[in-house]
Amino acid sequence: MKKLLFLFGLILSLGFSYGQTTDHTGEDVEFEVKLFPNPATNVINVLGLKNSQRADILITDMYGKPVLQHQWKIKNNALSIPIAQLEKGVYMLAINSLEQKVSTKFLKQ
């Protein structure tokens, strides 16, 4: 299991997450968000977001169980999310706002 987590962390360490997001027109568009450091210990930084007055931040474990929820304003197209209290493992990060919806994975060491 440790080897699998290490390998997954190595893949994630590039820090780039690709996927689908929905823009303000309702169209699915490709996006690139940079999440770093990955793996992380205390904080994850997310760049490439659209500014928003209110964004819902949800972190779930790999079973879909919510472990952290926040509502924040996105400024300067970035967020810094404290994760020191999370157990070691793989997590999903979802950021939902009127401007976009983003989801990506990260590894907590």
C-alpha atoms as a PDB file:
ATOM      1  CA  MET A   1       0.000   0.000   0.000  1.00  0.00           C
ATOM      2  CA  LYS A   2       2.852   2.406   0.816  1.00  0.00           C
ATOM      3  CA  LYS A   3       4.375   1.756  -2.598  1.00  0.00           C
ATOM      4  CA  LEU A   4       1.037   2.477  -4.250  1.00  0.00           C
ATOM      5  CA  LEU A   5       0.631   5.742  -2.322  1.00  0.00           C
ATOM      6  CA  PHE A   6       4.224   6.705  -3.157  1.00  0.00           C
ATOM      7  CA  LEU A   7       3.666   6.021  -6.853  1.00  0.00           C
ATOM      8  CA  PHE A   8       0.387   7.951  -6.830  1.00  0.00           C
ATOM      9  CA  GLY A   9       2.113  10.828  -5.020  1.00  0.00           C
ATOM     10  CA  LEU A  10       4.884  10.806  -7.595  1.00  0.00           C
ATOM     11  CA  ILE A  11       2.350  11.072 -10.403  1.00  0.00           C
ATOM     12  CA  LEU A  12       0.538  13.888  -8.601  1.00  0.00           C
ATOM     13  CA  SER A  13       3.780  15.695  -7.794  1.00  0.00           C
ATOM     14  CA  LEU A  14       3.723  17.351 -11.193  1.00  0.00           C
ATOM     15  CA  GLY A  15       1.084  19.534  -9.618  1.00  0.00           C
ATOM     16  CA  PHE A  16      -1.106  19.881 -12.670  1.00  0.00           C
ATOM     17  CA  SER A  17      -4.702  18.769 -12.738  1.00  0.00           C
ATOM     18  CA  TYR A  18      -6.679  18.533 -15.925  1.00  0.00           C
ATOM     19  CA  GLY A  19     -10.376  17.931 -16.228  1.00  0.00           C
ATOM     20  CA  GLN A  20     -13.720  19.434 -17.007  1.00  0.00           C
ATOM     21  CA  THR A  21     -15.207  22.581 -15.612  1.00  0.00           C
ATOM     22  CA  THR A  22     -18.373  24.442 -16.413  1.00  0.00           C
ATOM     23  CA  ASP A  23     -18.046  28.129 -17.266  1.00  0.00           C
ATOM     24  CA  HIS A  24     -20.665  30.866 -16.834  1.00  0.00           C
ATOM     25  CA  THR A  25     -22.339  29.942 -20.140  1.00  0.00           C
ATOM     26  CA  GLY A  26     -22.999  26.375 -18.993  1.00  0.00           C
ATOM     27  CA  GLU A  27     -20.529  24.948 -21.509  1.00  0.00           C
ATOM     28  CA  ASP A  28     -18.000  22.301 -20.479  1.00  0.00           C
ATOM     29  CA  VAL A  29     -14.481  23.540 -21.172  1.00  0.00           C
ATOM     30  CA  GLU A  30     -11.005  22.141 -20.629  1.00  0.00           C
ATOM     31  CA  PHE A  31      -9.044  23.776 -17.850  1.00  0.00           C
ATOM     32  CA  GLU A  32      -5.699  23.678 -16.143  1.00  0.00           C
ATOM     33  CA  VAL A  33      -5.332  24.279 -12.443  1.00  0.00           C
ATOM     34  CA  LYS A  34      -2.051  24.047 -10.610  1.00  0.00           C
ATOM     35  CA  LEU A  35      -2.165  22.582  -7.116  1.00  0.00           C
ATOM     36  CA  PHE A  36       1.038  22.606  -5.086  1.00  0.00           C
ATOM     37  CA  PRO A  37       2.850  21.315  -3.185  1.00  0.00           C
ATOM     38  CA  ASN A  38       1.661  17.854  -4.015  1.00  0.00           C
ATOM     39  CA  PRO A  39       2.164  15.832  -1.888  1.00  0.00           C
ATOM     40  CA  ALA A  40       1.448  18.394   0.825  1.00  0.00           C
ATOM     41  CA  THR A  41       1.762  18.524   4.606  1.00  0.00           C
ATOM     42  CA  ASN A  42       0.243  21.791   5.907  1.00  0.00           C
ATOM     43  CA  VAL A  43      -1.264  23.848   3.062  1.00  0.00           C
ATOM     44  CA  ILE A  44      -2.284  23.328  -0.549  1.00  0.00           C
ATOM     45  CA  ASN A  45      -2.164  26.249  -2.957  1.00  0.00           C
ATOM     46  CA  VAL A  46      -4.463  26.292  -5.965  1.00  0.00           C
ATOM     47  CA  LEU A  47      -3.692  28.568  -8.929  1.00  0.00           C
ATOM     48  CA  GLY A  48      -5.630  29.159 -12.142  1.00  0.00           C
ATOM     49  CA  LEU A  49      -9.039  29.702 -10.542  1.00  0.00           C
ATOM     50  CA  LYS A  50     -11.581  32.313 -11.562  1.00  0.00           C
ATOM     51  CA  ASN A  51     -12.116  35.061  -8.985  1.00  0.00           C
ATOM     52  CA  SER A  52     -15.368  34.718  -7.060  1.00  0.00           C
ATOM     53  CA  GLN A  53     -17.135  36.472  -4.206  1.00  0.00           C
ATOM     54  CA  ARG A  54     -18.121  33.102  -2.761  1.00  0.00           C
ATOM     55  CA  ALA A  55     -16.727  29.659  -3.475  1.00  0.00           C
ATOM     56  CA  ASP A  56     -17.673  26.446  -1.696  1.00  0.00           C
ATOM     57  CA  ILE A  57     -14.590  24.360  -0.916  1.00  0.00           C
ATOM     58  CA  LEU A  58     -15.075  20.672  -0.151  1.00  0.00           C
ATOM     59  CA  ILE A  59     -12.381  18.103   0.582  1.00  0.00           C
ATOM     60  CA  THR A  60     -13.429  14.457   0.670  1.00  0.00           C
ATOM     61  CA  ASP A  61     -11.522  11.258   1.291  1.00  0.00           C
ATOM     62  CA  MET A  62     -11.308   8.662  -1.473  1.00  0.00           C
ATOM     63  CA  TYR A  63     -14.572   7.105  -0.253  1.00  0.00           C
ATOM     64  CA  GLY A  64     -16.431  10.388  -0.784  1.00  0.00           C
ATOM     65  CA  LYS A  65     -16.731  11.195   2.936  1.00  0.00           C
ATOM     66  CA  PRO A  66     -16.482  14.978   3.541  1.00  0.00           C
ATOM     67  CA  VAL A  67     -13.536  15.829   5.791  1.00  0.00           C
ATOM     68  CA  LEU A  68     -13.260  19.622   5.354  1.00  0.00           C
ATOM     69  CA  GLN A  69     -15.673  22.325   4.159  1.00  0.00           C
ATOM     70  CA  HIS A  70     -15.200  26.084   3.779  1.00  0.00           C
ATOM     71  CA  GLN A  71     -16.697  29.059   1.969  1.00  0.00           C
ATOM     72  CA  TRP A  72     -14.120  31.561   0.753  1.00  0.00           C
ATOM     73  CA  LYS A  73     -13.695  34.454  -1.597  1.00  0.00           C
ATOM     74  CA  ILE A  74     -11.280  33.679  -4.447  1.00  0.00           C
ATOM     75  CA  LYS A  75      -8.921  36.614  -5.049  1.00  0.00           C
ATOM     76  CA  ASN A  76      -5.963  36.868  -7.423  1.00  0.00           C
ATOM     77  CA  ASN A  77      -7.104  33.644  -9.115  1.00  0.00           C
ATOM     78  CA  ALA A  78      -5.749  31.575  -6.206  1.00  0.00           C
ATOM     79  CA  LEU A  79      -6.551  29.874  -2.897  1.00  0.00           C
ATOM     80  CA  SER A  80      -4.451  28.594  -0.002  1.00  0.00           C
ATOM     81  CA  ILE A  81      -6.205  25.851   1.941  1.00  0.00           C
ATOM     82  CA  PRO A  82      -4.921  24.636   5.331  1.00  0.00           C
ATOM     83  CA  ILE A  83      -4.818  20.822   5.545  1.00  0.00           C
ATOM     84  CA  ALA A  84      -2.558  20.152   8.555  1.00  0.00           C
ATOM     85  CA  GLN A  85      -5.385  18.438  10.452  1.00  0.00           C
ATOM     86  CA  LEU A  86      -6.021  15.845   7.718  1.00  0.00           C
ATOM     87  CA  GLU A  87      -4.744  12.269   8.044  1.00  0.00           C
ATOM     88  CA  LYS A  88      -2.179  11.037   5.513  1.00  0.00           C
ATOM     89  CA  GLY A  89      -3.830   9.847   2.311  1.00  0.00           C
ATOM     90  CA  VAL A  90      -5.382  10.762  -1.021  1.00  0.00           C
ATOM     91  CA  TYR A  91      -8.142  13.375  -1.127  1.00  0.00           C
ATOM     92  CA  MET A  92     -10.482  15.011  -3.627  1.00  0.00           C
ATOM     93  CA  LEU A  93     -10.776  18.789  -3.699  1.00  0.00           C
ATOM     94  CA  ALA A  94     -13.938  20.346  -5.162  1.00  0.00           C
ATOM     95  CA  ILE A  95     -14.296  24.099  -5.663  1.00  0.00           C
ATOM     96  CA  ASN A  96     -17.748  25.303  -6.697  1.00  0.00           C
ATOM     97  CA  SER A  97     -18.673  28.903  -7.451  1.00  0.00           C
ATOM     98  CA  LEU A  98     -20.959  30.742  -9.843  1.00  0.00           C
ATOM     99  CA  GLU A  99     -17.924  31.219 -12.111  1.00  0.00           C
ATOM    100  CA  GLN A 100     -16.690  27.621 -12.293  1.00  0.00           C
ATOM    101  CA  LYS A 101     -16.607  24.123 -10.858  1.00  0.00           C
ATOM    102  CA  VAL A 102     -13.262  22.425 -10.361  1.00  0.00           C
ATOM    103  CA  SER A 103     -12.266  19.061  -8.945  1.00  0.00           C
ATOM    104  CA  THR A 104      -8.834  17.546  -8.512  1.00  0.00           C
ATOM    105  CA  LYS A 105      -6.908  15.113  -6.314  1.00  0.00           C
ATOM    106  CA  PHE A 106      -4.014  15.627  -3.923  1.00  0.00           C
ATOM    107  CA  LEU A 107      -1.895  13.583  -1.550  1.00  0.00           C
ATOM    108  CA  LYS A 108      -1.498  14.534   2.130  1.00  0.00           C
ATOM    109  CA  GLN A 109       1.779  13.323   3.692  1.00  0.00           C
END
